[in-house]
Amino acid sequence: MSATDLHFELPEPLRTFVDERVRQGDYADPGEYLRDLVRRDREAQAAQRLRELIQEGLASGPAKAMTEDDWAQLRLRALQRPA
């Protein structure tokens, strides 16, 4: 994976907080801290989307048994999805 530089300014209290996290040994450097925050945010977004999909499924009505044709259609949709 290639890296891209990202430059930004933080207010002094935030910079002090980040520096303290690095000083405590939680992160090797401020960049590692930022990468961790971005990863966690991405995971939180994915978890939220999953919760929404589950709620959508629950609200869609009573469950019904899947037929072999239903499974075949799902397999076909899965194969046609971009990676």
Protein backbone atom coordinates (compact mmCIF):
# COMPACT_ATOMS: atom_id res chain seq x y z
CA MET A 1 0.00 0.00 0.00
CA SER A 2 1.41 3.35 -0.93
CA ALA A 3 1.48 6.19 1.56
CA THR A 4 0.36 9.75 0.98
CA ASP A 5 1.50 12.71 3.03
CA LEU A 6 -1.14 14.62 4.89
CA HIS A 7 -0.26 17.89 6.57
CA PHE A 8 -2.53 19.70 9.00
CA GLU A 9 -2.42 21.88 12.09
CA LEU A 10 -3.84 21.03 15.48
CA PRO A 11 -4.74 23.47 18.22
CA GLU A 12 -2.15 23.34 20.99
CA PRO A 13 -4.33 21.39 23.48
CA LEU A 14 -4.94 18.65 20.91
CA ARG A 15 -1.28 18.50 19.92
CA THR A 16 -0.34 18.21 23.60
CA PHE A 17 -2.80 15.34 23.98
CA VAL A 18 -1.39 13.49 20.96
CA ASP A 19 2.18 14.05 22.16
CA GLU A 20 1.25 12.67 25.59
CA ARG A 21 -0.20 9.51 24.01
CA VAL A 22 3.06 9.03 22.13
CA ARG A 23 5.11 9.78 25.25
CA GLN A 24 3.12 7.17 27.22
CA GLY A 25 4.21 4.59 24.68
CA ASP A 26 0.73 3.99 23.30
CA TYR A 27 1.93 4.97 19.83
CA ALA A 28 5.32 5.20 18.16
CA ASP A 29 4.60 8.62 16.66
CA PRO A 30 1.71 11.01 15.94
CA GLY A 31 1.19 9.44 12.51
CA GLU A 32 0.56 6.02 14.05
CA TYR A 33 -1.99 7.61 16.38
CA LEU A 34 -3.81 9.22 13.47
CA ARG A 35 -3.78 5.98 11.45
CA ASP A 36 -5.28 4.16 14.44
CA LEU A 37 -8.03 6.79 14.76
CA VAL A 38 -8.89 6.50 11.07
CA ARG A 39 -8.99 2.68 11.25
CA ARG A 40 -11.24 2.80 14.32
CA ASP A 41 -13.55 5.28 12.62
CA ARG A 42 -13.77 3.07 9.54
CA GLU A 43 -14.61 0.07 11.73
CA ALA A 44 -17.24 2.09 13.60
CA GLN A 45 -18.83 3.14 10.30
CA ALA A 46 -18.94 -0.50 9.14
CA ALA A 47 -20.49 -1.58 12.46
CA GLN A 48 -23.11 1.15 12.17
CA ARG A 49 -23.96 0.05 8.62
CA LEU A 50 -24.33 -3.54 9.82
CA ARG A 51 -26.68 -2.42 12.61
CA GLU A 52 -28.75 -0.52 10.02
CA LEU A 53 -28.95 -3.56 7.74
CA ILE A 54 -29.98 -5.80 10.63
CA GLN A 55 -32.68 -3.32 11.65
CA GLU A 56 -33.85 -3.11 8.04
CA GLY A 57 -34.10 -6.89 7.91
CA LEU A 58 -36.02 -7.08 11.17
CA ALA A 59 -38.44 -4.41 9.97
CA SER A 60 -39.02 -6.14 6.62
CA GLY A 61 -41.65 -8.47 8.02
CA PRO A 62 -41.90 -12.05 9.15
CA ALA A 63 -39.24 -14.51 8.09
CA LYS A 64 -39.97 -17.05 5.39
CA ALA A 65 -38.12 -20.20 4.39
CA MET A 66 -35.55 -19.81 1.60
CA THR A 67 -36.13 -21.89 -1.51
CA GLU A 68 -33.35 -23.37 -3.62
CA ASP A 69 -34.16 -20.71 -6.23
CA ASP A 70 -33.70 -17.98 -3.58
CA TRP A 71 -30.24 -19.38 -2.71
CA ALA A 72 -29.30 -19.62 -6.39
CA GLN A 73 -30.23 -15.96 -6.91
CA LEU A 74 -28.18 -14.92 -3.87
CA ARG A 75 -25.16 -16.86 -5.14
CA LEU A 76 -25.49 -15.20 -8.54
CA ARG A 77 -25.70 -11.73 -6.96
CA ALA A 78 -22.64 -12.45 -4.82
CA LEU A 79 -20.63 -13.54 -7.85
CA GLN A 80 -21.62 -10.42 -9.79
CA ARG A 81 -20.61 -8.03 -7.02
CA PRO A 82 -17.38 -6.09 -7.54
CA ALA A 83 -14.62 -7.00 -5.08
